[in-house]
Amino acid sequence: MHQNPSDAERREILSSARNIAVVGLSDNPERTSYMIAKAMQDAGYRIFPVNPNLSGPVLGEKPYASLLEIDEPIDIVDVFRRSEHVMPVAEEAVKAGAKVLWLQQGIVNEEAADYAKKHGMTVVMDRCIKVDHALLVR
């Protein structure tokens, strides 16, 4: 059973990260993924929208169909996909060399968490990155 990193470890993750790839980011400002990505961008992070259905920039950033298209280091892969769709994201995150797989609140996939951890990634599951940032970093 997966154990999330401690508050201190999550604080360090969020304090040292600069680039966040947001998988499942919507271009609809009413969607939770958009609001959270904007809040993280406003907090100083560079956001990489990852969604094959996006055709134009989101939050001023070029969208990517896959993590493997991003040619900059990825510190955190923040996932807004249903739990049953997380495994391919974990596999892509490993291939892309990302450091952290962060599954948003309500998203749980033990298999994906185990896979990412076995490949050297830190995994945060079922936690909102915006809430953790507000509680731990500010």
Protein backbone atom coordinates (compact mmCIF):
# COMPACT_ATOMS: atom_id res chain seq x y z
CA MET A 1 0.00 0.00 0.00
CA HIS A 2 1.36 3.38 -1.06
CA GLN A 3 2.47 5.88 1.60
CA ASN A 4 2.68 9.52 0.55
CA PRO A 5 5.83 11.47 1.34
CA SER A 6 5.75 13.40 4.63
CA ASP A 7 4.75 17.07 4.85
CA ALA A 8 8.46 17.99 4.96
CA GLU A 9 9.21 15.88 1.87
CA ARG A 10 6.26 17.38 -0.06
CA ARG A 11 7.38 20.87 1.01
CA GLU A 12 10.85 20.12 -0.41
CA ILE A 13 9.33 18.77 -3.66
CA LEU A 14 7.25 21.91 -4.12
CA SER A 15 10.05 24.27 -3.06
CA SER A 16 12.62 22.82 -5.45
CA ALA A 17 10.35 22.21 -8.46
CA ARG A 18 10.08 24.68 -11.32
CA ASN A 19 8.39 22.77 -14.18
CA ILE A 20 5.01 21.08 -13.82
CA ALA A 21 3.51 19.04 -16.66
CA VAL A 22 -0.25 18.98 -16.14
CA VAL A 23 -1.72 15.85 -17.73
CA GLY A 24 -5.39 16.22 -18.53
CA LEU A 25 -5.33 20.04 -18.36
CA SER A 26 -8.48 21.57 -19.82
CA ASP A 27 -8.64 24.89 -21.65
CA ASN A 28 -11.98 25.56 -19.92
CA PRO A 29 -11.46 28.08 -17.06
CA GLU A 30 -14.39 26.47 -15.21
CA ARG A 31 -12.57 23.12 -14.89
CA THR A 32 -10.62 22.22 -11.75
CA SER A 33 -7.52 21.31 -13.77
CA TYR A 34 -7.42 24.82 -15.29
CA MET A 35 -7.95 26.57 -11.94
CA ILE A 36 -5.25 24.55 -10.19
CA ALA A 37 -2.76 24.90 -13.06
CA LYS A 38 -3.36 28.67 -13.10
CA ALA A 39 -2.81 28.89 -9.34
CA MET A 40 0.47 26.97 -9.66
CA GLN A 41 1.52 29.19 -12.57
CA ASP A 42 0.65 32.28 -10.50
CA ALA A 43 2.84 30.83 -7.71
CA GLY A 44 5.83 30.90 -10.10
CA TYR A 45 5.87 27.44 -11.68
CA ARG A 46 6.19 26.85 -15.43
CA ILE A 47 3.18 24.87 -16.64
CA PHE A 48 3.26 22.42 -19.54
CA PRO A 49 -0.29 21.55 -20.68
CA VAL A 50 -0.48 17.87 -21.71
CA ASN A 51 -3.68 16.91 -23.48
CA PRO A 52 -3.94 15.58 -27.06
CA ASN A 53 -7.31 17.34 -27.44
CA LEU A 54 -5.89 20.85 -27.00
CA SER A 55 -5.37 22.81 -30.21
CA GLY A 56 -4.06 26.13 -28.91
CA PRO A 57 -2.18 27.62 -25.98
CA VAL A 58 -3.53 27.19 -22.46
CA LEU A 59 -2.53 29.71 -19.81
CA GLY A 60 -0.16 31.15 -22.43
CA GLU A 61 1.70 27.85 -22.85
CA LYS A 62 1.97 25.58 -25.90
CA PRO A 63 0.06 22.32 -25.38
CA TYR A 64 1.65 18.89 -25.80
CA ALA A 65 -0.07 15.65 -26.81
CA SER A 66 2.32 13.63 -24.64
CA LEU A 67 4.94 14.05 -21.92
CA LEU A 68 7.54 12.73 -24.36
CA GLU A 69 7.13 15.84 -26.55
CA ILE A 70 8.34 18.16 -23.78
CA ASP A 71 12.01 18.97 -24.37
CA GLU A 72 12.68 20.52 -20.97
CA PRO A 73 13.20 18.79 -17.60
CA ILE A 74 9.94 17.86 -15.88
CA ASP A 75 10.00 18.17 -12.10
CA ILE A 76 6.39 17.16 -11.41
CA VAL A 77 3.79 15.37 -13.52
CA ASP A 78 0.47 16.54 -12.06
CA VAL A 79 -2.27 14.15 -13.16
CA PHE A 80 -5.92 15.01 -13.80
CA ARG A 81 -7.05 11.68 -15.27
CA ARG A 82 -9.38 9.03 -13.89
CA SER A 83 -7.63 6.45 -11.73
CA GLU A 84 -7.99 3.69 -14.33
CA HIS A 85 -6.14 5.82 -16.92
CA VAL A 86 -3.06 6.61 -14.82
CA MET A 87 -0.81 3.64 -15.69
CA PRO A 88 0.09 4.89 -19.20
CA VAL A 89 0.82 8.32 -17.69
CA ALA A 90 3.19 6.74 -15.15
CA GLU A 91 4.97 4.84 -17.93
CA GLU A 92 5.33 8.02 -19.98
CA ALA A 93 6.52 9.99 -16.94
CA VAL A 94 9.28 7.44 -16.36
CA LYS A 95 10.34 7.58 -20.04
CA ALA A 96 10.33 11.39 -19.91
CA GLY A 97 12.64 11.38 -16.88
CA ALA A 98 10.22 13.21 -14.57
CA LYS A 99 11.07 13.29 -10.87
CA VAL A 100 7.61 13.24 -9.25
CA LEU A 101 4.27 11.67 -10.18
CA TRP A 102 1.53 13.64 -8.41
CA LEU A 103 -2.00 12.23 -8.60
CA GLN A 104 -4.62 14.82 -7.74
CA GLN A 105 -7.19 14.39 -4.98
CA GLY A 106 -9.49 11.47 -5.67
CA ILE A 107 -7.03 9.72 -8.01
CA VAL A 108 -5.62 6.45 -6.70
CA ASN A 109 -3.73 3.81 -8.68
CA GLU A 110 -1.48 1.51 -6.66
CA GLU A 111 -0.06 -0.22 -9.75
CA ALA A 112 1.01 3.09 -11.31
CA ALA A 113 2.46 4.27 -7.99
CA ASP A 114 4.49 1.05 -7.61
CA TYR A 115 5.71 1.28 -11.21
CA ALA A 116 6.83 4.91 -10.83
CA LYS A 117 8.55 4.21 -7.49
CA LYS A 118 10.38 1.19 -8.92
CA HIS A 119 11.73 3.50 -11.62
CA GLY A 120 13.04 6.09 -9.17
CA MET A 121 10.17 8.54 -9.07
CA THR A 122 8.63 10.03 -5.96
CA VAL A 123 4.85 9.49 -5.89
CA VAL A 124 2.16 11.61 -4.26
CA MET A 125 -1.32 10.17 -4.55
CA ASP A 126 -4.82 11.48 -3.75
CA ARG A 127 -3.63 14.97 -2.77
CA CYS A 128 -4.28 18.38 -4.34
CA ILE A 129 -1.02 20.07 -5.33
CA LYS A 130 -2.56 23.55 -4.89
CA VAL A 131 -3.75 22.76 -1.35
CA ASP A 132 -0.38 21.28 -0.40
CA HIS A 133 1.40 24.31 -1.85
CA ALA A 134 -0.82 26.68 0.15
CA LEU A 135 -0.36 24.70 3.38
CA LEU A 136 3.33 23.79 3.08
CA VAL A 137 5.12 26.45 1.04
CA ARG A 138 3.49 29.82 1.60
